């Protein structure tokens, strides 16, 4: 099922093209749902059109303190992430197939630093406030922070990630 746009997933390392990404509820892998079950589902695979955002999610990589970023194709029709608003770059699916490895061995420290930078930039812009557990969502709308549309500010990250 090819789409007009590329989708990426950042997470566990060592997968190869053709392998299937399954949700954490089936694999036991760490998940955003471990920190925020209200906005993240462990029975879904999360995909994004934003390569930088996929790199941020490598911070959840379970093995070896490194993770990989993949270009993927969902096995079913991707759904906009229901915890974010229309225009978000994040989607969910039941499973996805690895199409290509975009980047190997992204260090968790790098991914965490990227996440902190993103969240701090959003808080500086007034999109986020310290302790904001909705990460910029306002009554179902995702705040915009850059020209050209809505952003997904690592919406399922831990509030502690706002601390530099």
Protein backbone atom coordinates (compact mmCIF):
# COMPACT_ATOMS: atom_id res chain seq x y z
CA UNK A 1 0.00 0.00 0.00
CA UNK A 2 2.15 2.91 -1.29
CA UNK A 3 1.31 6.45 -0.26
CA UNK A 4 2.08 9.79 -1.87
CA UNK A 5 4.23 10.65 1.15
CA UNK A 6 6.98 8.83 3.02
CA UNK A 7 6.35 7.53 6.51
CA UNK A 8 9.05 6.95 9.11
CA UNK A 9 9.38 5.06 12.37
CA UNK A 10 12.11 5.47 14.97
CA UNK A 11 12.71 2.65 17.40
CA UNK A 12 14.34 -0.72 17.93
CA UNK A 13 17.53 -1.32 16.03
CA UNK A 14 18.55 -4.03 13.65
CA UNK A 15 15.52 -4.42 11.42
CA UNK A 16 15.93 -4.96 7.68
CA UNK A 17 13.75 -4.11 4.69
CA UNK A 18 10.84 -6.52 4.48
CA UNK A 19 10.56 -7.09 8.22
CA UNK A 20 7.35 -6.24 10.05
CA UNK A 21 7.06 -3.68 12.85
CA UNK A 22 4.50 -4.85 15.38
CA UNK A 23 2.99 -2.86 18.26
CA UNK A 24 4.54 -2.97 21.74
CA UNK A 25 1.51 -4.88 23.08
CA UNK A 26 2.69 -7.83 20.94
CA UNK A 27 6.45 -7.40 21.27
CA UNK A 28 6.81 -6.18 24.86
CA UNK A 29 9.00 -3.28 23.67
CA UNK A 30 9.02 -0.02 25.68
CA UNK A 31 6.36 2.39 24.49
CA UNK A 32 5.16 5.95 24.98
CA UNK A 33 2.11 4.28 26.54
CA UNK A 34 4.38 3.27 29.43
CA UNK A 35 4.46 6.99 30.32
CA UNK A 36 1.16 8.30 28.97
CA UNK A 37 -1.55 5.72 28.40
CA UNK A 38 -4.12 8.48 27.86
CA UNK A 39 -2.49 9.75 24.64
CA UNK A 40 -0.56 6.72 23.40
CA UNK A 41 -1.71 3.20 22.62
CA UNK A 42 0.54 0.19 23.00
CA UNK A 43 -1.54 -1.73 20.43
CA UNK A 44 -0.53 0.59 17.58
CA UNK A 45 2.64 1.36 15.64
CA UNK A 46 3.30 5.09 15.37
CA UNK A 47 4.50 6.59 12.08
CA UNK A 48 5.38 10.13 11.07
CA UNK A 49 6.05 12.06 7.89
CA UNK A 50 8.74 14.01 9.77
CA UNK A 51 12.18 12.39 9.71
CA UNK A 52 13.36 14.54 12.64
CA UNK A 53 10.39 13.44 14.72
CA UNK A 54 11.14 9.79 13.97
CA UNK A 55 14.70 10.38 15.16
CA UNK A 56 13.36 11.83 18.43
CA UNK A 57 11.38 8.64 19.08
CA UNK A 58 14.55 6.57 18.98
CA UNK A 59 14.89 7.76 22.60
CA UNK A 60 12.54 4.88 23.42
CA UNK A 61 14.80 2.28 21.80
CA UNK A 62 14.93 -0.73 24.09
CA UNK A 63 18.19 -2.45 23.19
CA UNK A 64 21.78 -1.29 23.34
CA UNK A 65 20.95 2.36 24.00
CA UNK A 66 20.77 2.91 20.24
CA UNK A 67 17.96 2.71 17.74
CA UNK A 68 17.32 2.99 14.04
CA UNK A 69 15.10 5.13 11.84
CA UNK A 70 13.18 3.39 9.08
CA UNK A 71 11.08 4.32 6.11
CA UNK A 72 7.98 2.17 6.46
CA UNK A 73 4.71 1.26 4.78
CA UNK A 74 1.65 0.57 6.94
CA UNK A 75 -0.08 -2.77 6.47
CA UNK A 76 -3.45 -1.03 6.66
CA UNK A 77 -4.70 2.49 6.07
CA UNK A 78 -2.83 4.80 8.48
CA UNK A 79 -5.04 6.82 10.81
CA UNK A 80 -4.16 10.30 12.07
CA UNK A 81 -2.92 10.01 15.64
CA UNK A 82 -6.20 10.42 17.57
CA UNK A 83 -4.45 12.18 20.45
CA UNK A 84 -3.40 15.00 18.13
CA UNK A 85 -5.34 17.37 15.94
CA UNK A 86 -6.07 17.52 12.25
CA UNK A 87 -2.90 18.28 10.32
CA UNK A 88 -0.61 16.32 12.59
CA UNK A 89 2.29 14.48 11.02
CA UNK A 90 1.78 11.42 13.21
CA UNK A 91 -0.27 8.38 12.25
CA UNK A 92 -1.04 5.00 13.78
CA UNK A 93 -1.39 1.59 12.20
CA UNK A 94 -1.70 -2.02 13.33
CA UNK A 95 1.68 -2.94 11.80
CA UNK A 96 4.15 -1.65 9.23
CA UNK A 97 6.73 -3.11 6.86
CA UNK A 98 10.26 -1.73 6.82
CA UNK A 99 10.93 -0.36 3.32
CA UNK A 100 14.40 1.08 3.97
CA UNK A 101 16.80 1.82 6.78
CA UNK A 102 17.24 5.60 6.87
CA UNK A 103 19.71 5.78 9.73
CA UNK A 104 21.37 3.17 11.95
CA UNK A 105 22.60 3.44 15.52
CA UNK A 106 21.07 6.73 16.60
CA UNK A 107 22.34 7.09 20.16
CA UNK A 108 19.64 7.47 22.79
CA UNK A 109 21.49 10.48 24.17
CA UNK A 110 21.27 12.20 20.77
CA UNK A 111 17.59 11.35 20.44
CA UNK A 112 16.88 12.61 23.96
CA UNK A 113 18.80 15.84 23.28
CA UNK A 114 16.76 16.38 20.10
CA UNK A 115 13.56 15.82 22.09
CA UNK A 116 14.62 18.30 24.79
CA UNK A 117 15.60 20.87 22.16
CA UNK A 118 12.25 20.50 20.42
CA UNK A 119 10.25 20.74 23.64
CA UNK A 120 12.26 23.66 24.98
CA UNK A 121 11.88 25.53 21.68
CA UNK A 122 8.13 25.00 21.84
CA UNK A 123 7.99 26.20 25.45
CA UNK A 124 10.03 29.29 24.53
CA UNK A 125 7.58 30.00 21.71
CA UNK A 126 4.73 29.80 24.21
CA UNK A 127 3.38 26.57 22.75
CA UNK A 128 4.24 24.60 25.88
CA UNK A 129 4.27 25.48 29.54
CA UNK A 130 6.27 23.59 32.17
CA UNK A 131 4.16 20.70 33.41
CA UNK A 132 1.85 20.81 30.37
CA UNK A 133 0.84 17.19 29.93
CA UNK A 134 -1.07 17.94 26.74
CA UNK A 135 2.11 19.22 25.05
CA UNK A 136 0.57 22.18 23.26
CA UNK A 137 -2.84 20.68 22.47
CA UNK A 138 -5.62 23.17 23.04
CA UNK A 139 -9.13 21.72 23.12
CA UNK A 140 -8.26 19.16 20.47
CA UNK A 141 -6.19 21.49 18.30
CA UNK A 142 -2.46 21.13 17.93
CA UNK A 143 -0.64 24.42 18.26
CA UNK A 144 1.32 25.57 15.25
CA UNK A 145 4.87 26.60 15.77
CA UNK A 146 6.46 26.84 12.34
CA UNK A 147 5.47 28.09 8.97
CA UNK A 148 3.51 25.68 6.87
CA UNK A 149 1.33 23.92 9.35
CA UNK A 150 0.89 22.01 12.53
CA UNK A 151 3.61 20.26 14.41
CA UNK A 152 3.58 17.25 16.67
CA UNK A 153 5.75 18.23 19.63
CA UNK A 154 6.69 14.72 20.69
CA UNK A 155 3.23 14.74 22.17
CA UNK A 156 3.60 11.55 24.12
CA UNK A 157 6.89 12.42 25.82
CA UNK A 158 7.28 12.57 29.57
CA UNK A 159 6.69 15.98 31.19
CA UNK A 160 10.15 15.61 32.77
CA UNK A 161 11.60 15.97 29.28
CA UNK A 162 10.91 19.72 29.57
CA UNK A 163 13.74 19.97 32.09
CA UNK A 164 17.02 20.94 30.37
